[in-house]
Protein backbone atom coordinates (compact mmCIF):
# COMPACT_ATOMS: atom_id res chain seq x y z
CA UNK A 1 -61.80 -49.82 56.44
CA UNK A 2 -60.20 -53.64 56.98
CA UNK A 3 -57.53 -55.05 55.35
CA UNK A 4 -58.97 -56.23 51.92
CA UNK A 5 -60.74 -60.00 51.61
CA UNK A 6 -59.08 -62.36 49.81
CA UNK A 7 -61.90 -65.10 49.65
CA UNK A 8 -66.01 -64.45 49.79
CA UNK A 9 -66.96 -62.79 52.38
CA UNK A 10 -70.02 -61.44 52.47
CA UNK A 11 -70.66 -59.28 55.91
CA UNK A 12 -67.30 -57.93 55.91
CA UNK A 13 -68.59 -54.38 56.52
CA UNK A 14 -72.16 -55.19 58.32
CA UNK A 15 -72.65 -52.03 60.26
CA UNK A 16 -70.00 -50.02 57.56
CA UNK A 17 -71.21 -46.06 57.37
CA UNK A 18 -70.82 -47.00 53.47
CA UNK A 19 -74.21 -48.83 53.43
CA UNK A 20 -76.16 -46.21 54.73
CA UNK A 21 -74.45 -43.83 52.02
CA UNK A 22 -75.26 -46.25 49.38
CA UNK A 23 -79.40 -47.72 50.73
CA UNK A 24 -79.27 -42.96 50.69
CA UNK A 25 -78.47 -43.28 47.10
CA UNK A 26 -80.36 -45.99 45.93
CA UNK A 27 -83.40 -45.62 47.24
CA UNK A 28 -83.02 -41.60 46.25
CA UNK A 29 -82.92 -43.09 42.03
CA UNK A 30 -85.35 -46.01 42.81
CA UNK A 31 -85.35 -48.77 45.45
CA UNK A 32 -82.25 -51.15 46.60
CA UNK A 33 -82.03 -54.11 44.95
CA UNK A 34 -81.28 -57.58 45.18
CA UNK A 35 -81.18 -60.85 43.31
CA UNK A 36 -81.52 -64.34 44.82
CA UNK A 37 -79.80 -65.87 42.09
CA UNK A 38 -76.01 -63.65 42.98
CA UNK A 39 -74.89 -64.09 46.47
CA UNK A 40 -77.60 -65.44 47.69
CA UNK A 41 -79.54 -61.46 47.46
CA UNK A 42 -76.85 -59.33 48.88
CA UNK A 43 -78.12 -55.63 48.48
CA UNK A 44 -74.04 -54.44 48.44
CA UNK A 45 -71.64 -57.05 46.70
CA UNK A 46 -67.95 -56.07 47.27
CA UNK A 47 -65.61 -55.86 44.03
CA UNK A 48 -62.12 -57.24 44.92
CA UNK A 49 -59.68 -59.84 44.04
CA UNK A 50 -60.88 -63.11 44.93
CA UNK A 51 -57.52 -65.81 45.17
CA UNK A 52 -57.75 -68.17 42.16
CA UNK A 53 -60.62 -66.38 40.46
CA UNK A 54 -57.92 -64.07 38.45
CA UNK A 55 -58.96 -65.23 35.27
CA UNK A 56 -62.90 -65.19 35.90
CA UNK A 57 -65.04 -62.61 33.82
CA UNK A 58 -66.97 -61.08 37.28
CA UNK A 59 -66.66 -58.78 40.06
CA UNK A 60 -63.90 -61.43 42.25
CA UNK A 61 -61.23 -61.56 38.32
CA UNK A 62 -58.32 -58.90 38.22
CA UNK A 63 -58.11 -59.31 33.87
CA UNK A 64 -60.01 -57.09 31.73
CA UNK A 65 -63.41 -57.66 31.92
CA UNK A 66 -65.41 -56.50 28.81
CA UNK A 67 -68.53 -53.81 28.36
CA UNK A 68 -71.53 -54.85 29.20
CA UNK A 69 -74.80 -54.46 30.38
CA UNK A 70 -75.55 -55.13 34.83
CA UNK A 71 -77.44 -58.89 34.80
CA UNK A 72 -78.03 -59.00 30.84
CA UNK A 73 -79.67 -62.06 30.99
CA UNK A 74 -83.05 -61.16 33.59
CA UNK A 75 -85.98 -59.97 33.33
CA UNK A 76 -85.89 -57.27 35.68
CA UNK A 77 -82.29 -55.20 34.75
CA UNK A 78 -81.48 -53.13 37.38
CA UNK A 79 -82.43 -49.40 36.14
CA UNK A 80 -79.03 -47.98 38.05
CA UNK A 81 -75.55 -49.28 38.92
CA UNK A 82 -73.51 -47.88 41.39
CA UNK A 83 -69.83 -48.55 42.31
CA UNK A 84 -68.12 -46.83 45.11
CA UNK A 85 -64.25 -46.96 45.47
CA UNK A 86 -62.87 -47.50 49.02
CA UNK A 87 -59.16 -48.59 48.40
CA UNK A 88 -57.47 -48.34 44.66
CA UNK A 89 -54.95 -51.01 43.17
CA UNK A 90 -51.70 -50.79 44.30
CA UNK A 91 -50.41 -49.34 40.77
CA UNK A 92 -53.44 -47.30 40.32
CA UNK A 93 -53.89 -47.92 37.02
CA UNK A 94 -57.27 -50.41 37.34
CA UNK A 95 -59.79 -47.75 35.93
CA UNK A 96 -64.19 -48.24 35.65
CA UNK A 97 -64.78 -48.32 31.68
CA UNK A 98 -68.19 -46.64 30.46
CA UNK A 99 -69.76 -46.46 27.64
CA UNK A 100 -73.01 -44.67 26.04
CA UNK A 101 -75.14 -46.40 23.08
CA UNK A 102 -76.34 -43.00 22.65
CA UNK A 103 -72.35 -42.14 21.31
CA UNK A 104 -71.83 -45.07 19.95
CA UNK A 105 -75.03 -45.65 17.25
CA UNK A 106 -74.26 -42.67 15.18
CA UNK A 107 -70.70 -44.85 14.32
CA UNK A 108 -72.79 -47.84 13.34
CA UNK A 109 -74.50 -48.05 9.95
CA UNK A 110 -78.19 -47.71 9.37
CA UNK A 111 -78.41 -50.95 8.81
CA UNK A 112 -76.25 -52.64 11.33
CA UNK A 113 -78.69 -50.79 13.45
CA UNK A 114 -81.79 -52.03 12.45
CA UNK A 115 -80.05 -55.30 12.78
CA UNK A 116 -79.47 -54.58 16.22
CA UNK A 117 -83.15 -53.72 17.09
CA UNK A 118 -84.50 -57.38 15.91
CA UNK A 119 -85.44 -59.88 18.18
CA UNK A 120 -82.41 -62.17 17.20
CA UNK A 121 -80.20 -61.77 19.47
CA UNK A 122 -79.31 -64.77 23.33
CA UNK A 123 -77.50 -63.74 26.31
CA UNK A 124 -76.31 -66.46 28.41
CA UNK A 125 -76.76 -65.98 32.40
CA UNK A 126 -73.45 -64.05 34.39
CA UNK A 127 -71.79 -66.58 36.02
CA UNK A 128 -72.26 -64.94 38.88
CA UNK A 129 -75.54 -66.34 38.81
CA UNK A 130 -74.80 -69.45 37.98
CA UNK A 131 -71.66 -70.73 40.71
CA UNK A 132 -74.13 -73.17 42.51
CA UNK A 133 -75.35 -74.93 38.68
CA UNK A 134 -73.69 -77.94 37.10
CA UNK A 135 -74.20 -78.07 32.83
CA UNK A 136 -74.24 -75.53 30.56
CA UNK A 137 -75.10 -71.81 31.20
CA UNK A 138 -79.09 -71.74 30.56
CA UNK A 139 -79.66 -68.51 27.90
CA UNK A 140 -82.13 -65.77 27.97
CA UNK A 141 -84.23 -64.44 24.93
CA UNK A 142 -84.27 -64.05 21.67
CA UNK A 143 -84.14 -60.20 22.44
CA UNK A 144 -82.90 -56.60 20.93
CA UNK A 145 -79.57 -55.38 21.10
CA UNK A 146 -80.97 -52.38 20.65
CA UNK A 147 -84.48 -50.92 21.29
CA UNK A 148 -86.41 -47.67 22.55
CA UNK A 149 -87.18 -44.71 20.26
CA UNK A 150 -84.42 -44.03 17.50
CA UNK A 151 -83.55 -40.42 19.58
CA UNK A 152 -82.75 -42.13 23.21
CA UNK A 153 -82.29 -46.20 21.96
CA UNK A 154 -81.38 -48.04 25.17
CA UNK A 155 -78.92 -51.28 24.94
CA UNK A 156 -79.24 -54.04 26.04
CA UNK A 157 -76.09 -56.41 25.56
CA UNK A 158 -72.58 -58.43 27.30
CA UNK A 159 -70.16 -58.48 24.64
CA UNK A 160 -69.18 -61.77 26.65
CA UNK A 161 -72.63 -63.44 26.64
CA UNK A 162 -74.44 -61.75 23.96
CA UNK A 163 -74.30 -63.76 20.89
CA UNK A 164 -76.70 -62.98 17.89
CA UNK A 165 -78.65 -66.12 15.85
CA UNK A 166 -77.11 -65.60 12.00
CA UNK A 167 -73.80 -64.41 10.24
CA UNK A 168 -75.41 -60.81 9.73
CA UNK A 169 -76.21 -60.31 13.04
CA UNK A 170 -72.82 -61.51 14.87
CA UNK A 171 -71.31 -58.62 12.49
CA UNK A 172 -73.64 -56.62 13.74
CA UNK A 173 -72.21 -56.91 17.25
CA UNK A 174 -68.63 -56.66 16.82
CA UNK A 175 -69.39 -53.53 14.76
CA UNK A 176 -71.57 -52.13 18.20
CA UNK A 177 -68.20 -53.32 20.22
CA UNK A 178 -66.30 -51.07 17.40
CA UNK A 179 -67.74 -48.21 18.68
CA UNK A 180 -68.44 -48.36 21.81
CA UNK A 181 -64.49 -49.27 22.09
CA UNK A 182 -64.35 -45.56 20.24
CA UNK A 183 -66.39 -43.29 22.82
CA UNK A 184 -65.42 -44.62 25.49
CA UNK A 185 -64.15 -43.44 29.12
CA UNK A 186 -61.85 -44.84 31.55
CA UNK A 187 -62.90 -43.42 35.08
CA UNK A 188 -59.63 -44.53 37.38
CA UNK A 189 -61.85 -43.88 40.50
CA UNK A 190 -59.89 -42.76 43.43
CA UNK A 191 -61.66 -43.80 47.59
CA UNK A 192 -64.54 -42.07 47.92
CA UNK A 193 -65.24 -41.46 44.44
CA UNK A 194 -69.33 -43.13 43.49
CA UNK A 195 -70.17 -43.80 39.79
CA UNK A 196 -74.00 -43.94 39.53
CA UNK A 197 -74.73 -45.31 35.69
CA UNK A 198 -77.66 -45.83 34.18
CA UNK A 199 -77.52 -49.38 33.09
CA UNK A 200 -79.96 -49.72 29.85
CA UNK A 201 -78.25 -46.48 28.83
CA UNK A 202 -74.29 -47.34 29.70
CA UNK A 203 -72.49 -50.11 29.76
CA UNK A 204 -69.14 -50.35 31.83
CA UNK A 205 -66.13 -52.75 31.45
CA UNK A 206 -63.04 -53.06 33.48
CA UNK A 207 -59.00 -53.38 33.36
CA UNK A 208 -57.15 -55.91 33.93
CA UNK A 209 -54.62 -55.07 37.38
CA UNK A 210 -52.50 -57.38 39.06
CA UNK A 211 -53.83 -58.35 42.13
CA UNK A 212 -51.42 -58.80 45.41
CA UNK A 213 -53.52 -60.36 48.19
CA UNK A 214 -51.35 -58.26 51.27
CA UNK A 215 -54.84 -56.96 52.53
CA UNK A 216 -54.53 -53.64 50.26
CA UNK A 217 -55.94 -54.60 46.85
CA UNK A 218 -58.70 -52.79 45.26
CA UNK A 219 -62.02 -52.32 46.78
CA UNK A 220 -65.02 -51.50 45.50
CA UNK A 221 -68.82 -51.66 47.14
CA UNK A 222 -71.93 -52.27 44.48
CA UNK A 223 -75.37 -51.32 44.13
CA UNK A 224 -78.18 -51.69 42.65
CA UNK A 225 -81.55 -49.65 42.12
CA UNK A 226 -84.86 -50.24 40.65
CA UNK A 227 -87.26 -47.54 39.85
CA UNK A 228 -90.36 -50.13 40.26
CA UNK A 229 -90.72 -54.39 40.37
CA UNK A 230 -93.55 -54.94 38.61
CA UNK A 231 -96.96 -56.74 41.62
CA UNK A 232 -96.09 -59.75 40.50
CA UNK A 233 -92.79 -60.61 40.98
CA UNK A 234 -92.91 -58.07 45.22
CA UNK A 235 -95.43 -60.94 45.45
CA UNK A 236 -92.94 -63.33 44.89
CA UNK A 237 -90.50 -62.24 46.96
CA UNK A 238 -89.25 -63.72 49.57
CA UNK A 239 -87.09 -61.02 51.36
CA UNK A 240 -87.84 -57.38 51.19
CA UNK A 241 -86.18 -56.23 47.97
CA UNK A 242 -84.18 -59.62 46.77
CA UNK A 243 -86.20 -59.96 43.12
CA UNK A 244 -86.99 -64.29 43.23
CA UNK A 245 -85.12 -66.39 41.66
CA UNK A 246 -84.57 -66.99 38.04
CA UNK A 247 -85.92 -70.47 37.94
CA UNK A 248 -89.10 -68.96 39.66
CA UNK A 249 -89.64 -66.05 36.64
CA UNK A 250 -88.00 -67.12 33.76
CA UNK A 251 -90.29 -66.58 30.47
CA UNK A 252 -92.40 -64.36 31.90
CA UNK A 253 -91.56 -61.40 30.66
């Protein structure tokens, strides 16, 4: 293992054996997929603290990162998300937090669930998708936060970026966040541990930790897997496995 990078270095692990491992897992689940707007379409993402970005609510930060569906704004959100631990934080306390909508919803009142099922929510684009843009972040929606069958619900939610259109919707979001916290499981990953999450059922987050920038900081690798991209999206891809930019597909779905 090289030292943990202190800045964004997209190609530091080119040719590393974990590339093949993660591609194998991603392609068993669906198809390894990148997003043109995020890290220029990289298929493997290095998750580590970056000096000067400690407070960013994304994978370069080290502050607490609350529950979120990955790429909540996107019409083609990943079906699966994988996180492989390469190196723990110095204190071995940083945890990947996971929480299932199917555990949380029984804790909510029926009227709160009904509010969450209405298409009355908007989600801001994550900052990882807007690094090279200026002005206010765009948002996607309106969309429901909870959808699907009552006995097998799905979720589209980001505690930092999803907003309700009126007081009842915002109150339902707060109740959902509280319920997700109650059923949360904290996973302290050790080197070699791989966690795979259903991105439509489980939200995830991260506890805070203190980076030292000494080459031994926490370092994970992330991949996305999509079961199937629609034909129109495949025809618009400029590179194999990389979905088109949002400016090209916004509003299509």
